[in-house]
């Protein structure tokens, strides 16, 4: 049996991980980095968002341990720490798709 303190720490780690997924821009950054490592400027251009915004989101993703940066000259190339993050996001998308389908079926039942 795990202690109450350990259970709270694990729950906090899970909440921190999920909070990284709470912003659509961060999700787009993760999917972009799944395709290839990028620096801040490349991400900003790819996602068509301001570079300072990309930097703020990357800081959150770094703090949560989801991305890591490797210095290459004057640039920092970011990449995913673990490809399973994309699998987790894909599972969440699948769950959402199922929920949308279910809710649509409820609406159809009410309409008939």
N, C-alpha and C. Protein backbone atom coordinates (compact mmCIF):
# COMPACT_ATOMS: atom_id res chain seq x y z
N UNK A 1 0.85 -1.18 0.00
CA UNK A 1 0.00 0.00 0.00
C UNK A 1 0.89 1.24 0.00
N UNK A 2 0.54 2.22 -0.83
CA UNK A 2 1.36 3.43 -0.90
C UNK A 2 0.88 4.45 0.14
N UNK A 3 1.82 5.25 0.59
CA UNK A 3 1.50 6.25 1.60
C UNK A 3 0.65 7.36 1.00
N UNK A 4 -0.04 8.07 1.86
CA UNK A 4 -0.87 9.20 1.44
C UNK A 4 -0.01 10.26 0.75
N UNK A 5 1.18 10.51 1.28
CA UNK A 5 2.08 11.52 0.70
C UNK A 5 2.49 11.13 -0.71
N UNK A 6 2.86 9.86 -0.89
CA UNK A 6 3.26 9.38 -2.21
C UNK A 6 2.09 9.46 -3.18
N UNK A 7 0.91 9.09 -2.73
CA UNK A 7 -0.28 9.17 -3.59
C UNK A 7 -0.54 10.60 -4.02
N UNK A 8 -0.36 11.56 -3.10
CA UNK A 8 -0.56 12.97 -3.45
C UNK A 8 0.49 13.44 -4.45
N UNK A 9 1.74 13.01 -4.26
CA UNK A 9 2.80 13.40 -5.19
C UNK A 9 2.53 12.86 -6.58
N UNK A 10 2.08 11.62 -6.66
CA UNK A 10 1.79 11.01 -7.96
C UNK A 10 0.62 11.73 -8.62
N UNK A 11 -0.41 12.04 -7.83
CA UNK A 11 -1.56 12.76 -8.38
C UNK A 11 -1.15 14.14 -8.89
N UNK A 12 -0.25 14.80 -8.16
CA UNK A 12 0.22 16.12 -8.60
C UNK A 12 1.01 16.01 -9.90
N UNK A 13 1.83 14.98 -10.02
CA UNK A 13 2.59 14.77 -11.26
C UNK A 13 1.64 14.53 -12.43
N UNK A 14 0.58 13.75 -12.21
CA UNK A 14 -0.40 13.51 -13.26
C UNK A 14 -1.10 14.80 -13.65
N UNK A 15 -1.47 15.61 -12.65
CA UNK A 15 -2.13 16.88 -12.92
C UNK A 15 -1.21 17.82 -13.69
N UNK A 16 0.07 17.84 -13.34
CA UNK A 16 1.04 18.68 -14.06
C UNK A 16 1.15 18.26 -15.52
N UNK A 17 1.19 16.95 -15.75
CA UNK A 17 1.26 16.43 -17.11
C UNK A 17 0.02 16.83 -17.90
N UNK A 18 -1.13 16.63 -17.30
CA UNK A 18 -2.39 16.97 -17.98
C UNK A 18 -2.50 18.46 -18.23
N UNK A 19 -1.98 19.28 -17.33
CA UNK A 19 -2.05 20.73 -17.53
C UNK A 19 -1.25 21.16 -18.76
N UNK A 20 -0.22 20.40 -19.10
CA UNK A 20 0.56 20.71 -20.30
C UNK A 20 -0.29 20.50 -21.55
N UNK A 21 -1.26 19.58 -21.48
CA UNK A 21 -2.15 19.30 -22.60
C UNK A 21 -3.35 20.24 -22.63
N UNK A 22 -3.44 21.16 -21.68
CA UNK A 22 -4.63 22.00 -21.53
C UNK A 22 -4.69 23.18 -22.51
N UNK A 23 -3.64 23.38 -23.27
CA UNK A 23 -3.63 24.50 -24.20
C UNK A 23 -3.47 23.98 -25.64
N UNK A 24 -4.33 24.41 -26.56
CA UNK A 24 -4.25 23.91 -27.93
C UNK A 24 -2.91 24.21 -28.61
N UNK A 25 -2.29 25.32 -28.28
CA UNK A 25 -1.00 25.65 -28.90
C UNK A 25 0.06 24.65 -28.47
N UNK A 26 0.05 24.27 -27.20
CA UNK A 26 1.04 23.29 -26.73
C UNK A 26 0.83 21.94 -27.41
N UNK A 27 -0.42 21.58 -27.63
CA UNK A 27 -0.70 20.32 -28.33
C UNK A 27 -0.16 20.39 -29.76
N UNK A 28 -0.38 21.52 -30.42
CA UNK A 28 0.15 21.68 -31.79
C UNK A 28 1.67 21.64 -31.80
N UNK A 29 2.30 22.22 -30.80
CA UNK A 29 3.77 22.18 -30.70
C UNK A 29 4.22 20.72 -30.56
N UNK A 30 3.55 19.96 -29.71
CA UNK A 30 3.94 18.55 -29.53
C UNK A 30 3.80 17.77 -30.83
N UNK A 31 2.69 17.97 -31.54
CA UNK A 31 2.52 17.25 -32.82
C UNK A 31 3.57 17.69 -33.84
N UNK A 32 3.90 18.97 -33.85
CA UNK A 32 4.92 19.46 -34.78
C UNK A 32 6.28 18.84 -34.45
N UNK A 33 6.61 18.79 -33.16
CA UNK A 33 7.90 18.21 -32.76
C UNK A 33 7.94 16.70 -32.98
N UNK A 34 6.78 16.08 -33.06
CA UNK A 34 6.76 14.65 -33.38
C UNK A 34 7.23 14.41 -34.81
N UNK A 35 6.96 15.38 -35.69
CA UNK A 35 7.37 15.25 -37.09
C UNK A 35 8.87 15.46 -37.25
N UNK A 36 9.41 16.46 -36.52
CA UNK A 36 10.86 16.72 -36.61
C UNK A 36 11.25 17.72 -35.52
N UNK A 37 12.49 17.66 -35.07
CA UNK A 37 12.96 18.67 -34.11
C UNK A 37 12.93 20.05 -34.76
N UNK A 38 12.63 21.06 -33.96
CA UNK A 38 12.54 22.44 -34.46
C UNK A 38 13.10 23.41 -33.43
N UNK A 39 13.54 24.56 -33.91
CA UNK A 39 13.89 25.64 -32.99
C UNK A 39 12.67 26.55 -32.85
N UNK A 40 12.77 27.55 -31.98
CA UNK A 40 11.64 28.42 -31.69
C UNK A 40 11.14 29.12 -32.95
N UNK A 41 12.06 29.64 -33.75
CA UNK A 41 11.68 30.34 -34.97
C UNK A 41 10.95 29.44 -35.95
N UNK A 42 11.43 28.22 -36.10
CA UNK A 42 10.77 27.27 -37.01
C UNK A 42 9.36 26.94 -36.53
N UNK A 43 9.22 26.74 -35.21
CA UNK A 43 7.90 26.45 -34.66
C UNK A 43 6.95 27.64 -34.86
N UNK A 44 7.46 28.84 -34.63
CA UNK A 44 6.64 30.05 -34.81
C UNK A 44 6.16 30.16 -36.26
N UNK A 45 7.06 29.92 -37.20
CA UNK A 45 6.70 30.00 -38.61
C UNK A 45 5.71 28.90 -38.99
N UNK A 46 5.97 27.70 -38.53
CA UNK A 46 5.12 26.55 -38.85
C UNK A 46 3.71 26.73 -38.31
N UNK A 47 3.61 27.21 -37.08
CA UNK A 47 2.30 27.34 -36.42
C UNK A 47 1.68 28.73 -36.62
N UNK A 48 2.44 29.63 -37.23
CA UNK A 48 1.99 31.00 -37.48
C UNK A 48 1.53 31.70 -36.19
N UNK A 49 2.39 31.61 -35.19
CA UNK A 49 2.15 32.32 -33.92
C UNK A 49 3.43 33.06 -33.54
N UNK A 50 3.32 34.12 -32.74
CA UNK A 50 4.51 34.91 -32.39
C UNK A 50 5.55 34.08 -31.63
N UNK A 51 6.81 34.38 -31.92
CA UNK A 51 7.91 33.66 -31.30
C UNK A 51 7.88 33.72 -29.77
N UNK A 52 7.57 34.88 -29.15
CA UNK A 52 7.51 34.90 -27.68
C UNK A 52 6.46 33.94 -27.12
N UNK A 53 5.36 33.78 -27.84
CA UNK A 53 4.32 32.85 -27.41
C UNK A 53 4.84 31.41 -27.46
N UNK A 54 5.52 31.09 -28.54
CA UNK A 54 6.11 29.74 -28.66
C UNK A 54 7.09 29.50 -27.52
N UNK A 55 7.92 30.50 -27.22
CA UNK A 55 8.90 30.36 -26.14
C UNK A 55 8.22 30.10 -24.80
N UNK A 56 7.14 30.81 -24.52
CA UNK A 56 6.41 30.60 -23.25
C UNK A 56 5.85 29.18 -23.17
N UNK A 57 5.27 28.72 -24.27
CA UNK A 57 4.71 27.36 -24.28
C UNK A 57 5.81 26.31 -24.16
N UNK A 58 6.92 26.54 -24.82
CA UNK A 58 8.04 25.59 -24.71
C UNK A 58 8.56 25.52 -23.29
N UNK A 59 8.58 26.64 -22.59
CA UNK A 59 9.03 26.64 -21.20
C UNK A 59 8.14 25.74 -20.35
N UNK A 60 6.84 25.84 -20.55
CA UNK A 60 5.91 24.98 -19.81
C UNK A 60 6.15 23.52 -20.16
N UNK A 61 6.30 23.23 -21.44
CA UNK A 61 6.54 21.85 -21.87
C UNK A 61 7.87 21.32 -21.34
N UNK A 62 8.88 22.18 -21.29
CA UNK A 62 10.18 21.78 -20.71
C UNK A 62 10.04 21.54 -19.22
N UNK A 63 9.36 22.45 -18.53
CA UNK A 63 9.19 22.32 -17.08
C UNK A 63 8.44 21.03 -16.72
N UNK A 64 7.55 20.60 -17.59
CA UNK A 64 6.78 19.37 -17.35
C UNK A 64 7.55 18.13 -17.81
N UNK A 65 8.71 18.35 -18.44
CA UNK A 65 9.53 17.22 -18.88
C UNK A 65 9.06 16.57 -20.16
N UNK A 66 8.30 17.32 -20.99
CA UNK A 66 7.76 16.74 -22.21
C UNK A 66 8.63 16.99 -23.43
N UNK A 67 9.38 18.10 -23.41
CA UNK A 67 10.31 18.39 -24.50
C UNK A 67 11.67 18.71 -23.89
N UNK A 68 12.67 18.58 -24.72
CA UNK A 68 14.03 18.92 -24.30
C UNK A 68 14.68 19.69 -25.44
N UNK A 69 15.54 20.61 -25.08
CA UNK A 69 16.24 21.40 -26.08
C UNK A 69 17.71 21.05 -26.11
N UNK A 70 18.25 20.97 -27.31
CA UNK A 70 19.67 20.72 -27.52
C UNK A 70 20.25 21.91 -28.27
N UNK A 71 21.25 22.56 -27.67
CA UNK A 71 21.88 23.71 -28.30
C UNK A 71 22.68 23.25 -29.50
N UNK A 72 22.44 23.96 -30.63
CA UNK A 72 23.19 23.73 -31.86
C UNK A 72 23.62 25.09 -32.37
N UNK A 73 24.82 25.48 -32.00
CA UNK A 73 25.29 26.82 -32.35
C UNK A 73 24.52 27.85 -31.55
N UNK A 74 23.91 28.79 -32.25
CA UNK A 74 23.14 29.84 -31.56
C UNK A 74 21.68 29.44 -31.35
N UNK A 75 21.27 28.33 -31.93
CA UNK A 75 19.88 27.87 -31.81
C UNK A 75 19.75 26.72 -30.84
N UNK A 76 18.53 26.53 -30.35
CA UNK A 76 18.19 25.38 -29.54
C UNK A 76 17.15 24.58 -30.31
N UNK A 77 17.48 23.33 -30.62
CA UNK A 77 16.55 22.44 -31.30
C UNK A 77 15.75 21.69 -30.23
N UNK A 78 14.44 21.76 -30.33
CA UNK A 78 13.57 21.07 -29.37
C UNK A 78 13.05 19.78 -29.98
N UNK A 79 12.88 18.78 -29.13
CA UNK A 79 12.30 17.52 -29.56
C UNK A 79 11.55 16.89 -28.39
N UNK A 80 10.69 15.93 -28.72
CA UNK A 80 9.92 15.24 -27.70
C UNK A 80 10.83 14.39 -26.84
N UNK A 81 10.53 14.33 -25.57
CA UNK A 81 11.27 13.46 -24.66
C UNK A 81 10.85 12.01 -24.88
N UNK A 82 9.56 11.81 -25.18
CA UNK A 82 9.03 10.45 -25.31
C UNK A 82 7.92 10.46 -26.36
N UNK A 83 8.05 9.64 -27.38
CA UNK A 83 7.07 9.56 -28.47
C UNK A 83 5.70 9.08 -27.98
N UNK A 84 5.65 8.45 -26.80
CA UNK A 84 4.36 7.99 -26.27
C UNK A 84 3.42 9.14 -25.95
N UNK A 85 3.96 10.36 -25.84
CA UNK A 85 3.10 11.53 -25.64
C UNK A 85 2.10 11.66 -26.77
N UNK A 86 2.55 11.41 -27.99
CA UNK A 86 1.68 11.51 -29.15
C UNK A 86 0.64 10.39 -29.11
N UNK A 87 1.06 9.21 -28.68
CA UNK A 87 0.09 8.12 -28.53
C UNK A 87 -0.98 8.50 -27.51
N UNK A 88 -0.57 9.14 -26.40
CA UNK A 88 -1.52 9.57 -25.39
C UNK A 88 -2.49 10.61 -25.96
N UNK A 89 -1.96 11.56 -26.72
CA UNK A 89 -2.82 12.57 -27.34
C UNK A 89 -3.78 11.93 -28.35
N UNK A 90 -3.29 10.95 -29.09
CA UNK A 90 -4.15 10.26 -30.06
C UNK A 90 -5.27 9.49 -29.35
N UNK A 91 -4.95 8.89 -28.21
CA UNK A 91 -5.98 8.19 -27.43
C UNK A 91 -7.03 9.19 -26.94
N UNK A 92 -6.58 10.35 -26.47
CA UNK A 92 -7.53 11.38 -26.03
C UNK A 92 -8.43 11.83 -27.18
N UNK A 93 -7.85 11.98 -28.36
CA UNK A 93 -8.65 12.36 -29.54
C UNK A 93 -9.69 11.29 -29.85
N UNK A 94 -9.29 10.04 -29.74
CA UNK A 94 -10.21 8.93 -30.00
C UNK A 94 -11.36 8.94 -28.98
N UNK A 95 -11.03 9.19 -27.72
CA UNK A 95 -12.07 9.29 -26.69
C UNK A 95 -13.03 10.44 -27.00
N UNK A 96 -12.48 11.59 -27.39
CA UNK A 96 -13.33 12.74 -27.73
C UNK A 96 -14.23 12.42 -28.91
N UNK A 97 -13.68 11.76 -29.92
CA UNK A 97 -14.47 11.40 -31.10
C UNK A 97 -15.64 10.50 -30.70
N UNK A 98 -15.37 9.53 -29.82
CA UNK A 98 -16.42 8.63 -29.34
C UNK A 98 -17.48 9.40 -28.55
N UNK A 99 -17.05 10.36 -27.73
CA UNK A 99 -18.01 11.16 -26.95
C UNK A 99 -18.87 12.02 -27.87
N UNK A 100 -18.27 12.60 -28.89
CA UNK A 100 -19.02 13.41 -29.85
C UNK A 100 -20.04 12.54 -30.58
N UNK A 101 -19.64 11.36 -30.99
CA UNK A 101 -20.54 10.43 -31.68
C UNK A 101 -21.69 10.05 -30.76
N UNK A 102 -21.39 9.76 -29.51
CA UNK A 102 -22.42 9.39 -28.54
C UNK A 102 -23.40 10.54 -28.33
N UNK A 103 -22.90 11.74 -28.15
CA UNK A 103 -23.78 12.89 -27.94
C UNK A 103 -24.64 13.17 -29.17
N UNK A 104 -24.05 12.99 -30.34
CA UNK A 104 -24.83 13.17 -31.57
C UNK A 104 -25.95 12.16 -31.64
N UNK A 105 -25.68 10.92 -31.21
CA UNK A 105 -26.74 9.90 -31.23
C UNK A 105 -27.85 10.25 -30.25
N UNK A 106 -27.52 10.86 -29.12
CA UNK A 106 -28.54 11.27 -28.16
C UNK A 106 -29.43 12.36 -28.76
N UNK A 107 -28.81 13.30 -29.47
CA UNK A 107 -29.57 14.37 -30.12
C UNK A 107 -30.50 13.79 -31.17
N UNK A 108 -30.00 12.83 -31.94
CA UNK A 108 -30.83 12.19 -32.97
C UNK A 108 -32.01 11.47 -32.33
N UNK A 109 -31.82 10.85 -31.17
CA UNK A 109 -32.91 10.15 -30.49
C UNK A 109 -33.98 11.13 -30.03
N UNK A 110 -33.55 12.29 -29.57
CA UNK A 110 -34.49 13.31 -29.11
C UNK A 110 -35.28 13.88 -30.28
N UNK A 111 -34.63 14.03 -31.42
CA UNK A 111 -35.26 14.61 -32.60
C UNK A 111 -36.27 13.67 -33.26
N UNK A 112 -36.16 12.37 -33.00
CA UNK A 112 -37.07 11.43 -33.66
C UNK A 112 -38.28 11.11 -32.85
